[in-house]
Protein backbone atom coordinates (compact mmCIF):
# COMPACT_ATOMS: atom_id res chain seq x y z
CA UNK A 1 131.71 267.94 10.33
CA UNK A 2 134.03 270.63 9.32
CA UNK A 3 131.40 273.32 8.51
CA UNK A 4 129.76 272.49 11.98
CA UNK A 5 132.87 273.15 13.72
CA UNK A 6 133.85 276.09 11.77
CA UNK A 7 130.34 277.84 12.67
CA UNK A 8 130.59 276.73 16.16
CA UNK A 9 133.76 278.51 16.51
CA UNK A 10 132.65 281.78 14.86
CA UNK A 11 129.64 281.81 16.97
CA UNK A 12 132.00 281.32 20.01
CA UNK A 13 134.28 284.19 18.96
CA UNK A 14 131.42 286.53 18.36
CA UNK A 15 130.37 286.13 21.87
CA UNK A 16 133.78 286.61 23.40
CA UNK A 17 134.26 289.83 21.25
CA UNK A 18 130.74 291.44 22.09
CA UNK A 19 132.35 293.76 24.67
CA UNK A 20 134.26 295.37 21.96
CA UNK A 21 131.53 295.85 19.27
CA UNK A 22 129.31 298.95 19.38
CA UNK A 23 126.20 296.92 18.55
CA UNK A 24 126.49 293.05 19.84
CA UNK A 25 125.88 290.95 16.71
CA UNK A 26 123.94 287.43 17.06
CA UNK A 27 126.12 284.50 16.83
CA UNK A 28 125.76 282.75 13.40
CA UNK A 29 123.21 280.31 12.88
CA UNK A 30 124.49 276.79 12.85
CA UNK A 31 121.99 276.08 10.20
CA UNK A 32 123.46 278.55 7.78
CA UNK A 33 125.46 277.24 4.91
CA UNK A 34 128.91 279.25 5.39
CA UNK A 35 128.65 280.75 1.77
CA UNK A 36 130.76 283.63 3.03
CA UNK A 37 133.93 281.58 3.32
CA UNK A 38 136.71 283.16 1.60
CA UNK A 39 139.54 280.78 0.19
CA UNK A 40 142.85 282.88 0.32
CA UNK A 41 144.74 280.02 -1.98
CA UNK A 42 145.25 280.88 -5.69
CA UNK A 43 142.27 280.15 -7.71
CA UNK A 44 142.52 276.72 -8.90
CA UNK A 45 139.72 274.86 -10.94
CA UNK A 46 138.63 271.79 -8.91
CA UNK A 47 138.10 268.90 -8.89
CA UNK A 48 141.46 267.97 -10.57
CA UNK A 49 142.66 264.54 -11.42
CA UNK A 50 146.14 264.03 -10.36
CA UNK A 51 146.95 260.38 -10.74
CA UNK A 52 145.45 256.83 -11.80
CA UNK A 53 147.79 254.09 -11.31
CA UNK A 54 147.27 250.28 -11.43
CA UNK A 55 149.38 248.74 -8.42
CA UNK A 56 148.49 245.03 -9.37
CA UNK A 57 146.69 243.57 -12.50
CA UNK A 58 145.22 240.64 -10.58
CA UNK A 59 144.89 236.96 -11.55
CA UNK A 60 144.00 235.59 -14.87
CA UNK A 61 141.66 235.56 -16.60
CA UNK A 62 141.61 239.39 -16.90
CA UNK A 63 138.78 241.34 -18.42
CA UNK A 64 138.11 244.99 -19.24
CA UNK A 65 135.91 246.71 -16.80
CA UNK A 66 133.46 249.20 -18.19
CA UNK A 67 130.20 251.01 -17.30
CA UNK A 68 127.21 251.08 -19.55
CA UNK A 69 124.42 253.66 -19.71
CA UNK A 70 121.43 252.99 -17.34
CA UNK A 71 118.26 251.63 -18.51
CA UNK A 72 115.68 252.62 -15.87
CA UNK A 73 114.96 255.49 -13.31
CA UNK A 74 116.86 254.77 -10.04
CA UNK A 75 116.79 256.62 -6.74
CA UNK A 76 120.10 256.29 -4.65
CA UNK A 77 120.21 256.76 -1.18
CA UNK A 78 123.03 257.36 1.41
CA UNK A 79 122.68 256.85 5.10
CA UNK A 80 124.86 258.42 7.25
CA UNK A 81 125.50 257.66 11.12
CA UNK A 82 127.83 259.46 13.29
CA UNK A 83 128.86 260.16 16.79
CA UNK A 84 131.38 262.80 17.80
CA UNK A 85 133.44 264.30 20.38
CA UNK A 86 135.56 267.49 20.78
CA UNK A 87 138.59 268.93 22.59
CA UNK A 88 137.75 272.44 22.90
CA UNK A 89 139.47 275.72 23.64
CA UNK A 90 140.74 276.10 27.20
CA UNK A 91 140.14 272.40 27.97
CA UNK A 92 142.23 269.50 28.46
CA UNK A 93 139.65 266.58 28.27
CA UNK A 94 137.67 265.29 25.33
CA UNK A 95 133.68 265.80 25.60
CA UNK A 96 131.57 263.05 25.97
CA UNK A 97 130.38 261.28 22.90
CA UNK A 98 127.60 262.97 21.21
CA UNK A 99 124.40 261.23 20.88
CA UNK A 100 124.10 259.39 17.41
CA UNK A 101 123.60 261.65 14.35
CA UNK A 102 121.84 259.80 11.73
CA UNK A 103 120.73 261.44 8.37
CA UNK A 104 119.63 260.34 4.81
CA UNK A 105 120.35 261.98 1.65
CA UNK A 106 119.48 260.84 -1.99
CA UNK A 107 119.36 261.61 -5.58
CA UNK A 108 116.79 260.52 -8.45
CA UNK A 109 118.49 259.55 -11.80
CA UNK A 110 116.77 259.29 -15.05
CA UNK A 111 118.08 257.13 -17.88
CA UNK A 112 120.02 258.77 -20.45
CA UNK A 113 122.70 257.84 -23.39
CA UNK A 114 124.69 260.91 -22.21
CA UNK A 115 125.34 262.63 -18.95
CA UNK A 116 123.18 261.34 -15.91
CA UNK A 117 120.12 263.88 -15.22
CA UNK A 118 118.51 263.81 -12.03
CA UNK A 119 117.38 265.85 -8.87
CA UNK A 120 118.51 265.96 -5.23
CA UNK A 121 115.90 264.29 -2.78
CA UNK A 122 115.54 266.29 0.46
CA UNK A 123 117.76 265.31 3.35
CA UNK A 124 116.16 264.19 6.43
CA UNK A 125 117.16 263.57 9.94
CA UNK A 126 116.47 260.11 11.34
CA UNK A 127 117.46 260.70 14.97
CA UNK A 128 116.92 263.75 17.27
CA UNK A 129 120.42 265.68 17.13
CA UNK A 130 121.24 269.33 17.30
CA UNK A 131 123.84 268.99 14.69
CA UNK A 132 121.58 267.46 12.00
CA UNK A 133 120.15 270.44 10.69
CA UNK A 134 123.94 271.89 10.11
CA UNK A 135 125.01 268.58 8.73
CA UNK A 136 122.39 268.57 6.12
CA UNK A 137 122.63 272.27 5.32
CA UNK A 138 124.90 272.10 2.39
CA UNK A 139 122.70 269.19 0.67
CA UNK A 140 119.47 270.60 1.18
CA UNK A 141 120.74 273.95 0.03
CA UNK A 142 120.70 272.24 -3.50
CA UNK A 143 116.73 272.22 -3.24
CA UNK A 144 115.54 269.96 -6.07
CA UNK A 145 117.45 271.71 -8.76
CA UNK A 146 118.03 269.44 -11.62
CA UNK A 147 121.44 268.64 -12.68
CA UNK A 148 123.32 266.60 -15.37
CA UNK A 149 126.55 264.69 -14.20
CA UNK A 150 128.82 263.44 -16.86
CA UNK A 151 131.28 260.31 -16.36
CA UNK A 152 133.13 258.42 -19.11
CA UNK A 153 132.69 254.62 -19.37
CA UNK A 154 135.53 254.05 -16.68
CA UNK A 155 133.50 255.85 -14.09
CA UNK A 156 135.74 258.89 -14.04
CA UNK A 157 134.13 262.19 -13.27
CA UNK A 158 133.99 264.66 -16.22
CA UNK A 159 131.53 267.59 -15.38
CA UNK A 160 128.31 268.45 -13.62
CA UNK A 161 126.02 271.36 -14.27
CA UNK A 162 122.53 272.57 -13.23
CA UNK A 163 119.72 272.93 -15.77
CA UNK A 164 119.10 276.51 -14.45
CA UNK A 165 122.59 277.43 -14.52
CA UNK A 166 124.54 275.46 -17.27
CA UNK A 167 127.74 277.35 -16.87
CA UNK A 168 127.75 277.11 -13.01
CA UNK A 169 128.15 280.92 -12.63
CA UNK A 170 125.87 281.10 -9.51
CA UNK A 171 126.12 277.51 -8.48
CA UNK A 172 129.82 276.91 -7.26
CA UNK A 173 128.99 275.99 -3.80
CA UNK A 174 126.23 273.60 -4.84
CA UNK A 175 128.69 272.15 -7.53
CA UNK A 176 131.35 271.38 -5.05
CA UNK A 177 128.68 269.75 -2.78
CA UNK A 178 127.79 267.44 -5.65
CA UNK A 179 131.38 266.63 -6.73
CA UNK A 180 132.60 265.82 -3.30
CA UNK A 181 129.88 263.36 -2.60
CA UNK A 182 130.12 261.69 -5.91
CA UNK A 183 134.09 261.37 -5.74
CA UNK A 184 133.48 259.68 -2.15
CA UNK A 185 131.45 257.06 -3.42
CA UNK A 186 131.84 256.42 -7.11
CA UNK A 187 134.34 253.43 -8.13
CA UNK A 188 136.54 254.44 -11.27
CA UNK A 189 138.07 251.40 -13.03
CA UNK A 190 141.50 251.10 -14.95
CA UNK A 191 142.00 251.12 -18.63
CA UNK A 192 143.58 247.88 -18.99
CA UNK A 193 142.06 244.47 -18.60
CA UNK A 194 142.29 243.38 -14.85
CA UNK A 195 141.32 240.27 -12.73
CA UNK A 196 140.35 239.36 -9.16
CA UNK A 197 143.12 240.71 -6.72
CA UNK A 198 143.74 243.70 -9.12
CA UNK A 199 144.48 246.89 -7.23
CA UNK A 200 144.59 250.38 -8.19
CA UNK A 201 144.89 253.95 -6.79
CA UNK A 202 143.07 257.21 -7.89
CA UNK A 203 144.11 260.67 -6.53
CA UNK A 204 142.07 263.89 -7.07
CA UNK A 205 142.29 267.43 -5.57
CA UNK A 206 138.89 268.83 -4.59
CA UNK A 207 137.03 271.02 -2.41
CA UNK A 208 135.64 269.54 0.87
CA UNK A 209 133.91 272.43 2.54
CA UNK A 210 135.56 274.38 4.05
CA UNK A 211 138.87 273.22 2.61
CA UNK A 212 140.93 272.10 -0.33
CA UNK A 213 141.67 268.63 0.30
CA UNK A 214 143.77 265.64 -1.65
CA UNK A 215 141.59 262.36 -2.03
CA UNK A 216 143.66 259.29 -2.24
CA UNK A 217 141.47 256.10 -2.99
CA UNK A 218 142.69 252.44 -3.40
CA UNK A 219 140.33 249.85 -4.94
CA UNK A 220 140.88 246.26 -4.55
CA UNK A 221 138.81 244.01 -7.11
CA UNK A 222 137.44 241.20 -5.13
CA UNK A 223 135.07 239.66 -7.45
CA UNK A 224 133.45 239.76 -11.04
CA UNK A 225 129.76 239.21 -11.85
CA UNK A 226 127.71 239.56 -14.72
CA UNK A 227 126.25 242.56 -13.58
CA UNK A 228 129.28 244.42 -12.23
CA UNK A 229 132.02 244.02 -9.53
CA UNK A 230 132.69 243.85 -5.87
CA UNK A 231 135.50 246.12 -4.68
CA UNK A 232 136.95 247.03 -1.50
CA UNK A 233 137.72 250.53 -0.84
CA UNK A 234 140.14 252.64 1.36
CA UNK A 235 139.80 256.15 0.82
CA UNK A 236 141.24 259.11 2.68
CA UNK A 237 140.87 263.09 2.45
CA UNK A 238 143.57 265.09 3.74
CA UNK A 239 143.47 268.70 4.15
CA UNK A 240 146.76 270.56 4.91
CA UNK A 241 147.32 273.74 6.82
CA UNK A 242 145.34 276.46 4.96
CA UNK A 243 143.60 279.91 5.71
CA UNK A 244 139.74 279.28 5.79
CA UNK A 245 138.49 282.86 6.81
CA UNK A 246 140.18 286.21 6.91
CA UNK A 247 139.17 289.51 8.70
CA UNK A 248 136.98 291.46 8.11
CA UNK A 249 134.80 288.74 9.01
CA UNK A 250 131.44 289.05 11.48
CA UNK A 251 134.05 288.31 14.42
CA UNK A 252 137.03 290.19 12.86
CA UNK A 253 139.20 287.13 13.24
CA UNK A 254 141.07 284.77 10.84
CA UNK A 255 140.37 281.19 10.86
CA UNK A 256 142.95 278.53 10.22
CA UNK A 257 142.84 274.74 9.45
CA UNK A 258 145.62 273.05 10.95
CA UNK A 259 144.52 269.62 9.60
CA UNK A 260 141.68 267.63 8.25
CA UNK A 261 141.80 263.97 7.87
CA UNK A 262 138.91 261.90 6.81
CA UNK A 263 138.93 258.26 6.06
CA UNK A 264 136.56 255.56 4.59
CA UNK A 265 136.98 251.81 4.20
CA UNK A 266 134.49 249.00 3.35
CA UNK A 267 133.22 247.15 0.53
CA UNK A 268 131.00 248.38 -2.54
CA UNK A 269 128.94 246.32 -4.87
CA UNK A 270 129.31 248.08 -8.41
CA UNK A 271 126.30 247.51 -11.04
CA UNK A 272 127.77 248.74 -14.46
CA UNK A 273 124.64 250.28 -15.44
CA UNK A 274 124.09 252.54 -12.44
CA UNK A 275 125.56 255.71 -11.16
CA UNK A 276 126.47 254.62 -7.56
CA UNK A 277 127.25 251.51 -5.80
CA UNK A 278 125.72 249.77 -2.77
CA UNK A 279 127.36 248.70 0.31
CA UNK A 280 128.73 250.33 3.60
CA UNK A 281 131.95 252.01 4.53
CA UNK A 282 133.11 252.89 8.17
CA UNK A 283 134.16 256.51 8.41
CA UNK A 284 136.73 258.30 10.74
CA UNK A 285 137.36 261.96 10.61
CA UNK A 286 139.71 264.45 12.66
CA UNK A 287 139.44 268.29 12.23
CA UNK A 288 141.67 270.87 13.83
CA UNK A 289 141.15 274.50 13.52
CA UNK A 290 142.38 277.58 15.01
CA UNK A 291 140.90 281.07 15.29
CA UNK A 292 143.07 284.10 15.36
CA UNK A 293 141.50 287.13 17.16
CA UNK A 294 142.91 290.39 17.09
CA UNK A 295 142.12 291.46 20.63
CA UNK A 296 141.82 288.12 22.29
CA UNK A 297 143.43 285.01 22.73
CA UNK A 298 143.49 282.45 19.97
CA UNK A 299 140.90 279.70 20.13
CA UNK A 300 141.62 276.12 19.05
CA UNK A 301 139.51 273.05 18.68
CA UNK A 302 139.68 269.32 17.66
CA UNK A 303 136.81 267.53 16.80
CA UNK A 304 136.42 263.64 15.91
CA UNK A 305 133.69 261.86 14.11
CA UNK A 306 133.31 258.00 13.65
CA UNK A 307 130.52 256.11 12.22
CA UNK A 308 129.32 254.36 9.14
CA UNK A 309 128.11 255.38 5.33
CA UNK A 310 125.53 253.03 3.62
CA UNK A 311 124.47 253.21 0.30
CA UNK A 312 121.29 251.78 -1.31
CA UNK A 313 119.06 252.09 -4.18
CA UNK A 314 115.49 252.04 -5.06
CA UNK A 315 113.17 252.46 -7.88
């Protein structure tokens, strides 16, 4: 949602400022991935693990939860269904809920004793919606570039790089896209033994385009099976006020994030020999942005999304 709103505001700003430009420029295409976005905050290596705290160890008997290497090729799919509404600049009423946006993305993973190796599968729109292309733009920009994603035996993220760019020198945007999706769906586990009812909290700083956010996820162990675990998930991403774009831009304006709040909640089934879980999470998101223009009034917009994210696997 965030990138869609940012691009929409750029387009609106471009239209309003055309009377003072010698040659009017077309509004940015919503399909375009905003690679020109310029972060003004000091450069920080992201993602960054901030905290891992066990809140409750759970009932006896307790066991040490650990992941093991995969044994077979597996495809993982994520189906996202959302409806949106907006409170735009110059209005006092929310827009009507948008038609359902339903998209599907996926990855194909090969078995490996080291980092997971795989390739993205093309995202597809499952319903007719004008926002589908913008929503999928970041994912489809990956193409089918092969990558290696490393995690430890507790499921904690270590690194990701592309086969054609081992140092990620020219793949910053693509790397961030993979990382933010992985951290929203993976379930890291504690170092010490835990039992049913155990609860732990994991905190990361990461880039969730177009902003730097803090992710806090609380996991509750509901069941232990021979294949893995059933885990309740409450995850939120908070983006505090920050500058997203600064002049000179195509519209000669500054774009400021007022707040970003994104929440996931639900239950996931984890197999210890697979990269991603299965299950479904509800998702809600609120984004508030302000456009500062040099020769025109500021523009503000608040956008809300609500829906579900469903994780499945296939061979």
